[in-house]
Amino acid sequence: MRKFLITIIFLICSFFTYSQTTENKAENLTWLTDISQAHSLSTATNKPIFAFFTGSDWCGWCHKLEKEVFAKPEFVTWANDNVVLLELDFPRRKQLPQALAQQNQSLQQFFGVKGYPTIWVFNITKEPKSEKFVISALGSLGYPAGATVGKEEIKFLENANKVMSQKSGN
C-alpha cells in the first residue's frame, strides 16, 4: 500500500511539474481578446491576425492544441515573429462581458465557425469614413490531423506557413 501511495504522489507531482512547464512556455505569448487592439497592433507591426476560436472551459481539442502546439517553443517563436494573436472564447461555465461576447459571436458568424478549435488568419483594415473593419481572410487551420505524435507543432506550422504565404499572394 505504501508503494502505491508513493507512486500516486510521484505521478501527481510529475503532472504538476509538466503542467507548470507548459504554462511557463505559453507565458511568452500575448493573446489579445479585443479586435480593436489586435487591429492596432496588426497595423503597427504589419502582421496578420491569428484568431483562435476556442471553448476555454469545455473544449478538449482546444486544450490539446494549446498543450501540443501553442506551448511549444517553435510555435512561440513563430507566433511572436509572424502574427498578432487573438483569442475568441466561447465558454460555457463562465460569462464574458456582453461587448466581448458580441464581438466574438460576430467574428464567429463572419468566418462561419461551426467547430472548435478553429483558427483563422486574416488581415484587417478600417474604413476611414465608417470606422468599420474590413477583413481579408488568408485561410483557416485546426488541430493538425495526421501529425506525428509529439511533433504536432511541426505539422501545424507547415500548415500555418501555407496559409501565411497567402499574405503576399505567393
Protein backbone atom coordinates (compact mmCIF):
# COMPACT_ATOMS: atom_id res chain seq x y z
CA MET A 1 0.00 0.00 0.00
CA ARG A 2 2.85 2.36 0.82
CA LYS A 3 4.47 1.80 -2.61
CA PHE A 4 1.13 2.52 -4.22
CA LEU A 5 0.77 5.83 -2.35
CA ILE A 6 4.33 6.85 -3.19
CA THR A 7 3.69 6.06 -6.86
CA ILE A 8 0.48 8.12 -6.85
CA ILE A 9 2.22 11.07 -5.16
CA PHE A 10 5.07 10.85 -7.69
CA LEU A 11 2.62 10.84 -10.62
CA ILE A 12 0.71 13.81 -9.22
CA CYS A 13 3.95 15.78 -8.68
CA SER A 14 5.10 14.88 -12.21
CA PHE A 15 1.79 16.08 -13.64
CA PHE A 16 2.02 19.43 -11.85
CA THR A 17 5.64 19.86 -12.94
CA TYR A 18 4.66 19.15 -16.56
CA SER A 19 1.66 21.50 -16.36
CA GLN A 20 3.76 24.28 -14.88
CA THR A 21 6.42 23.86 -17.59
CA THR A 22 3.77 24.01 -20.31
CA GLU A 23 2.24 27.14 -18.82
CA ASN A 24 5.64 28.81 -18.49
CA LYS A 25 6.37 28.29 -22.19
CA ALA A 26 2.97 29.67 -23.17
CA GLU A 27 3.55 32.73 -20.98
CA ASN A 28 5.82 34.04 -23.73
CA LEU A 29 2.73 34.60 -25.87
CA THR A 30 0.41 37.58 -25.68
CA TRP A 31 -3.17 36.72 -26.56
CA LEU A 32 -5.39 39.74 -27.11
CA THR A 33 -9.16 39.47 -26.77
CA ASP A 34 -10.21 42.80 -28.31
CA ILE A 35 -10.35 43.08 -32.10
CA SER A 36 -9.61 46.83 -31.92
CA GLN A 37 -6.38 46.20 -30.01
CA ALA A 38 -5.48 43.39 -32.41
CA HIS A 39 -6.14 45.73 -35.35
CA SER A 40 -3.91 48.44 -33.87
CA LEU A 41 -1.05 46.01 -33.23
CA SER A 42 -1.52 44.38 -36.63
CA THR A 43 -1.32 47.76 -38.33
CA ALA A 44 1.73 48.82 -36.31
CA THR A 45 3.64 45.57 -36.94
CA ASN A 46 2.32 44.75 -40.43
CA LYS A 47 1.42 41.25 -39.20
CA PRO A 48 -1.84 39.41 -39.86
CA ILE A 49 -4.16 38.39 -37.03
CA PHE A 50 -4.19 34.76 -35.86
CA ALA A 51 -7.67 34.30 -34.37
CA PHE A 52 -8.12 31.26 -32.12
CA PHE A 53 -11.78 30.32 -31.71
CA THR A 54 -11.93 28.26 -28.52
CA GLY A 55 -14.15 26.99 -25.77
CA SER A 56 -11.70 27.59 -22.94
CA ASP A 57 -13.65 25.83 -20.21
CA TRP A 58 -15.05 22.86 -22.12
CA CYS A 59 -13.25 22.12 -25.42
CA GLY A 60 -10.88 19.18 -25.05
CA TRP A 61 -9.42 19.57 -28.56
CA CYS A 62 -8.72 23.24 -27.81
CA HIS A 63 -6.77 22.26 -24.69
CA LYS A 64 -4.95 19.60 -26.70
CA LEU A 65 -3.97 22.18 -29.35
CA GLU A 66 -2.76 24.58 -26.65
CA LYS A 67 -0.61 21.90 -24.97
CA GLU A 68 0.69 20.16 -28.08
CA VAL A 69 1.24 23.20 -30.31
CA PHE A 70 0.84 26.62 -28.70
CA ALA A 71 3.01 25.78 -25.67
CA LYS A 72 5.92 24.54 -27.79
CA PRO A 73 8.94 26.85 -28.21
CA GLU A 74 8.78 26.52 -32.01
CA PHE A 75 5.24 27.88 -32.06
CA VAL A 76 6.04 30.64 -29.57
CA THR A 77 8.94 31.84 -31.75
CA TRP A 78 6.88 31.56 -34.93
CA ALA A 79 3.89 33.41 -33.45
CA ASN A 80 5.99 36.22 -31.98
CA ASP A 81 7.71 36.71 -35.34
CA ASN A 82 4.72 36.38 -37.67
CA VAL A 83 1.28 37.13 -36.22
CA VAL A 84 -0.85 39.03 -33.74
CA LEU A 85 -2.66 36.54 -31.51
CA LEU A 86 -6.37 36.99 -30.84
CA GLU A 87 -8.33 34.61 -28.62
CA LEU A 88 -12.06 34.43 -29.28
CA ASP A 89 -13.57 32.46 -26.42
CA PHE A 90 -16.94 30.73 -26.21
CA PRO A 91 -17.06 29.43 -22.62
CA ARG A 92 -19.99 27.51 -21.17
CA ARG A 93 -19.38 27.83 -17.43
CA LYS A 94 -18.35 31.47 -17.23
CA GLN A 95 -19.90 34.57 -18.68
CA LEU A 96 -17.94 37.02 -20.80
CA PRO A 97 -18.69 40.75 -20.70
CA GLN A 98 -21.52 41.45 -23.15
CA ALA A 99 -19.42 43.52 -25.57
CA LEU A 100 -16.74 40.80 -25.76
CA ALA A 101 -19.34 38.06 -26.25
CA GLN A 102 -20.96 40.08 -29.06
CA GLN A 103 -17.60 40.72 -30.72
CA ASN A 104 -16.72 37.01 -30.58
CA GLN A 105 -20.11 35.97 -31.91
CA SER A 106 -19.89 38.47 -34.78
CA LEU A 107 -16.49 37.12 -35.81
CA GLN A 108 -17.74 33.54 -35.44
CA GLN A 109 -20.61 34.34 -37.80
CA PHE A 110 -18.39 36.23 -40.23
CA PHE A 111 -16.00 33.28 -40.58
CA GLY A 112 -18.72 30.61 -40.36
CA VAL A 113 -17.04 28.83 -37.46
CA LYS A 114 -19.01 25.74 -36.52
CA GLY A 115 -16.47 23.72 -34.50
CA TYR A 116 -13.62 24.23 -32.10
CA PRO A 117 -10.73 24.71 -32.21
CA THR A 118 -10.73 26.79 -35.36
CA ILE A 119 -8.06 29.30 -36.31
CA TRP A 120 -8.49 31.97 -38.94
CA VAL A 121 -5.58 34.07 -40.16
CA PHE A 122 -6.59 37.39 -41.66
CA ASN A 123 -5.62 40.95 -42.42
CA ILE A 124 -7.82 43.75 -41.19
CA THR A 125 -8.21 47.40 -42.12
CA LYS A 126 -10.61 50.09 -41.01
CA GLU A 127 -12.64 52.18 -43.41
CA PRO A 128 -11.86 55.84 -42.67
CA LYS A 129 -15.41 57.17 -43.05
CA SER A 130 -17.48 54.44 -41.44
CA GLU A 131 -14.88 53.18 -38.95
CA LYS A 132 -15.96 49.63 -39.88
CA PHE A 133 -13.45 46.82 -40.06
CA VAL A 134 -12.73 45.20 -43.40
CA ILE A 135 -11.42 41.66 -43.08
CA SER A 136 -9.38 39.88 -45.72
CA ALA A 137 -9.14 36.19 -44.80
CA LEU A 138 -5.95 34.33 -45.66
CA GLY A 139 -7.12 30.89 -44.53
CA SER A 140 -8.07 28.65 -41.66
CA LEU A 141 -6.44 25.98 -39.53
CA GLY A 142 -7.47 23.44 -36.94
CA TYR A 143 -5.83 20.71 -34.95
CA PRO A 144 -3.07 19.25 -37.19
CA ALA A 145 -4.63 15.97 -38.37
CA GLY A 146 -2.13 13.29 -39.28
CA ALA A 147 0.69 14.83 -37.27
CA THR A 148 3.38 12.67 -35.72
CA VAL A 149 2.61 12.19 -32.04
CA GLY A 150 4.79 14.53 -30.00
CA LYS A 151 5.58 16.66 -33.07
CA GLU A 152 2.16 18.21 -33.70
CA GLU A 153 3.69 21.70 -33.79
CA ILE A 154 5.72 20.78 -36.90
CA LYS A 155 2.63 19.83 -38.94
CA PHE A 156 0.71 22.80 -37.56
CA LEU A 157 3.46 25.26 -38.50
CA GLU A 158 3.74 23.76 -42.00
CA ASN A 159 0.01 24.36 -42.45
CA ALA A 160 0.24 27.83 -40.91
CA ASN A 161 3.09 28.80 -43.24
CA LYS A 162 0.98 27.72 -46.23
CA VAL A 163 -1.81 29.99 -45.02
CA MET A 164 0.67 32.79 -44.34
CA SER A 165 2.02 32.52 -47.89
CA GLN A 166 -1.32 33.99 -48.96
CA LYS A 167 -0.19 37.21 -47.21
CA SER A 168 1.92 38.24 -50.16
CA GLY A 169 -0.07 36.41 -52.81
CA ASN A 170 2.52 33.63 -53.19
